[in-house]
Amino acid sequence: MGCAGFIGSQSTDRLLALGHSATGYDNLSTSGRLFLQEAFSNSRFRFVEGDLLDLDTLSPVVAGSDFIARLEANADVRFGTDFYKQLRCKSELGIFNLGTDECCQVSDLIGWICEEVGLRPELRYLGGERGWFEDNSFIFLDCSAIRGLGWRPQLSSRDGVLRTVRHLPNNPLVFESV
């Protein structure tokens, strides 16, 4: 989403360079195809011109996606914050939670990560057994908005965390400062 601006096009080019396929979605209102020249030359890139408020165009794009990055921006200051108000109020879209229907404990996350990297730390929670004041000891995301567009998770929470942990050592760019 928002693939034709500077940040979106750079992110798209990087994904393609890493061997991923990418579908770019943009209404081209404040950007253009110029930033996408490199992406258009790649057979793993598909471009869909559309607006985030147009659910008929957006829904089929989202339904087939493994991962969605929202990089759209109101680059035209003349519109102020009206763009974002319109996006939140006139459509079902906003910030999407991506996740599964499972609930997992923070201690589960810690356990999965430590098991994968071969650590057995002693866990001490600040504030006692539950953590700090008003802390949540579990994670559950309401994913109904994106599921309404047809997106379905392909990994469990555990598999997603482990895939991320395994990805990090092979991708040192993640740790570079900008």
Protein backbone atom coordinates (compact mmCIF):
# COMPACT_ATOMS: atom_id res chain seq x y z
CA MET A 1 0.00 0.00 0.00
CA GLY A 2 1.58 3.27 -1.04
CA CYS A 3 4.27 1.64 -3.18
CA ALA A 4 4.96 4.50 -5.60
CA GLY A 5 6.34 7.11 -3.21
CA PHE A 6 9.96 7.28 -2.15
CA ILE A 7 9.77 4.99 0.90
CA GLY A 8 7.29 2.57 -0.69
CA SER A 9 9.31 2.23 -3.89
CA GLN A 10 12.55 1.70 -1.99
CA SER A 11 10.90 -0.98 0.14
CA THR A 12 9.44 -2.64 -2.96
CA ASP A 13 12.83 -2.67 -4.71
CA ARG A 14 14.45 -4.18 -1.61
CA LEU A 15 11.85 -6.96 -1.34
CA LEU A 16 12.32 -7.81 -5.01
CA ALA A 17 16.13 -7.75 -4.66
CA LEU A 18 15.80 -10.28 -1.83
CA GLY A 19 13.92 -12.60 -4.19
CA HIS A 20 10.37 -11.95 -2.94
CA SER A 21 7.35 -11.28 -5.11
CA ALA A 22 5.53 -8.02 -4.48
CA THR A 23 2.22 -6.48 -5.40
CA GLY A 24 2.30 -2.71 -5.26
CA TYR A 25 -0.92 -0.79 -4.62
CA ASP A 26 -1.08 2.99 -5.02
CA ASN A 27 -3.49 5.62 -6.29
CA LEU A 28 -0.58 7.68 -7.70
CA SER A 29 -2.15 10.88 -6.33
CA THR A 30 1.13 12.30 -4.97
CA SER A 31 3.63 9.99 -6.64
CA GLY A 32 4.15 8.40 -10.00
CA ARG A 33 5.40 5.45 -11.95
CA LEU A 34 8.88 7.02 -12.14
CA PHE A 35 9.83 5.66 -8.70
CA LEU A 36 8.72 2.19 -9.79
CA GLN A 37 10.89 1.85 -12.91
CA GLU A 38 13.13 -0.79 -11.34
CA ALA A 39 10.16 -2.71 -9.95
CA PHE A 40 8.36 -2.71 -13.31
CA SER A 41 11.39 -4.39 -14.89
CA ASN A 42 11.05 -7.32 -12.45
CA SER A 43 8.73 -10.20 -13.37
CA ARG A 44 7.91 -10.75 -9.67
CA PHE A 45 6.27 -7.32 -9.40
CA ARG A 46 2.60 -6.61 -10.02
CA PHE A 47 1.14 -3.12 -9.81
CA VAL A 48 -2.47 -2.31 -9.01
CA GLU A 49 -3.61 1.29 -9.29
CA GLY A 50 -6.27 1.90 -6.68
CA ASP A 51 -7.32 3.91 -3.67
CA LEU A 52 -7.44 2.54 -0.12
CA LEU A 53 -11.05 3.68 0.09
CA ASP A 54 -12.00 1.52 -2.91
CA LEU A 55 -12.71 -1.82 -1.24
CA ASP A 56 -13.78 -3.46 -4.50
CA THR A 57 -10.28 -2.96 -5.92
CA LEU A 58 -8.40 -3.47 -2.65
CA SER A 59 -10.09 -6.63 -1.36
CA PRO A 60 -8.79 -9.07 -4.03
CA VAL A 61 -5.25 -7.70 -3.63
CA VAL A 62 -5.28 -8.14 0.14
CA ALA A 63 -6.91 -11.58 -0.03
CA GLY A 64 -3.91 -13.16 -1.73
CA SER A 65 -1.23 -11.51 0.37
CA ASP A 66 1.13 -13.16 2.85
CA PHE A 67 2.30 -9.81 4.23
CA ILE A 68 0.96 -6.27 3.95
CA ALA A 69 2.98 -3.11 4.55
CA ARG A 70 1.10 0.16 4.71
CA LEU A 71 3.42 2.88 3.50
CA GLU A 72 0.87 5.34 2.17
CA ALA A 73 1.27 8.92 3.27
CA ASN A 74 -0.43 12.22 2.78
CA ALA A 75 2.47 13.89 1.02
CA ASP A 76 0.36 16.91 0.09
CA VAL A 77 0.08 19.20 3.12
CA ARG A 78 -2.84 21.05 1.52
CA PHE A 79 -5.11 18.23 2.67
CA GLY A 80 -3.87 18.30 6.27
CA THR A 81 -5.16 15.37 8.30
CA ASP A 82 -8.39 15.06 6.29
CA PHE A 83 -6.98 12.12 4.32
CA TYR A 84 -6.50 10.05 7.46
CA LYS A 85 -9.86 11.06 8.93
CA GLN A 86 -11.52 10.01 5.69
CA LEU A 87 -9.61 6.72 5.66
CA ARG A 88 -10.71 5.89 9.20
CA CYS A 89 -14.29 7.14 8.98
CA LYS A 90 -15.44 6.26 5.47
CA SER A 91 -13.99 2.81 5.18
CA GLU A 92 -13.47 -0.24 7.28
CA LEU A 93 -9.74 0.21 6.79
CA GLY A 94 -7.29 1.56 9.29
CA ILE A 95 -4.31 -0.08 10.86
CA PHE A 96 -4.63 -3.83 10.38
CA ASN A 97 -3.63 -6.37 12.96
CA LEU A 98 -2.15 -9.46 11.36
CA GLY A 99 -2.29 -12.54 13.49
CA THR A 100 -4.02 -15.78 14.25
CA ASP A 101 -7.02 -16.72 16.30
CA GLU A 102 -4.78 -18.07 19.04
CA CYS A 103 -3.91 -16.35 22.24
CA CYS A 104 -0.37 -16.69 23.50
CA GLN A 105 1.31 -15.73 26.74
CA VAL A 106 4.35 -13.46 26.81
CA SER A 107 6.09 -16.32 28.59
CA ASP A 108 5.31 -18.50 25.52
CA LEU A 109 7.11 -16.00 23.28
CA ILE A 110 10.10 -15.93 25.60
CA GLY A 111 10.18 -19.72 25.71
CA TRP A 112 9.99 -20.15 21.93
CA ILE A 113 12.76 -17.64 21.30
CA CYS A 114 15.06 -18.97 24.03
CA GLU A 115 14.56 -22.57 22.90
CA GLU A 116 15.42 -21.62 19.31
CA VAL A 117 18.64 -19.80 20.25
CA GLY A 118 19.63 -22.32 22.94
CA LEU A 119 19.24 -20.12 26.01
CA ARG A 120 17.82 -21.02 29.41
CA PRO A 121 17.59 -17.73 31.27
CA GLU A 122 16.15 -17.29 34.70
CA LEU A 123 13.03 -15.20 34.19
CA ARG A 124 12.24 -12.49 36.71
CA TYR A 125 9.27 -10.26 36.09
CA LEU A 126 9.45 -6.70 37.29
CA GLY A 127 6.45 -6.20 39.50
CA GLY A 128 6.05 -9.82 40.46
CA GLU A 129 4.51 -12.83 38.76
CA ARG A 130 2.27 -10.79 36.45
CA GLY A 131 4.70 -8.08 35.39
CA TRP A 132 4.42 -4.35 35.85
CA PHE A 133 1.24 -2.49 36.78
CA GLU A 134 -1.42 -2.76 34.03
CA ASP A 135 0.79 -5.11 31.98
CA ASN A 136 -0.87 -7.74 29.84
CA SER A 137 0.60 -11.19 30.19
CA PHE A 138 -0.97 -12.42 26.96
CA ILE A 139 -1.23 -11.28 23.35
CA PHE A 140 -4.40 -11.52 21.30
CA LEU A 141 -5.00 -9.36 18.24
CA ASP A 142 -8.38 -8.55 16.77
CA CYS A 143 -7.80 -9.44 13.11
CA SER A 144 -11.43 -9.22 12.01
CA ALA A 145 -10.88 -6.16 9.78
CA ILE A 146 -8.28 -7.78 7.56
CA ARG A 147 -10.04 -11.15 7.65
CA GLY A 148 -13.11 -9.35 6.32
CA LEU A 149 -11.05 -8.58 3.22
CA GLY A 150 -10.15 -12.24 2.74
CA TRP A 151 -6.69 -12.42 4.34
CA ARG A 152 -5.92 -15.61 6.27
CA PRO A 153 -2.80 -16.42 8.30
CA GLN A 154 -0.53 -19.09 6.94
CA LEU A 155 1.56 -19.57 10.08
CA SER A 156 0.78 -20.09 13.73
CA SER A 157 2.05 -17.51 16.21
CA ARG A 158 4.85 -19.88 17.25
CA ASP A 159 5.88 -20.58 13.64
CA GLY A 160 5.88 -16.86 12.83
CA VAL A 161 8.09 -16.03 15.82
CA LEU A 162 10.50 -18.88 15.03
CA ARG A 163 10.70 -17.89 11.36
CA THR A 164 11.59 -14.36 12.42
CA VAL A 165 14.25 -15.56 14.88
CA ARG A 166 15.78 -17.77 12.17
CA HIS A 167 15.70 -14.90 9.67
CA LEU A 168 17.66 -12.42 11.79
CA PRO A 169 21.16 -13.99 11.79
CA ASN A 170 21.06 -14.39 8.00
CA ASN A 171 20.05 -10.77 7.43
CA PRO A 172 22.58 -8.46 9.07
CA LEU A 173 20.98 -5.41 7.43
CA VAL A 174 18.27 -5.67 10.07
CA PHE A 175 20.85 -4.67 12.70
CA GLU A 176 22.47 -1.80 10.77
CA SER A 177 21.68 1.70 11.92
CA VAL A 178 20.27 4.08 9.40
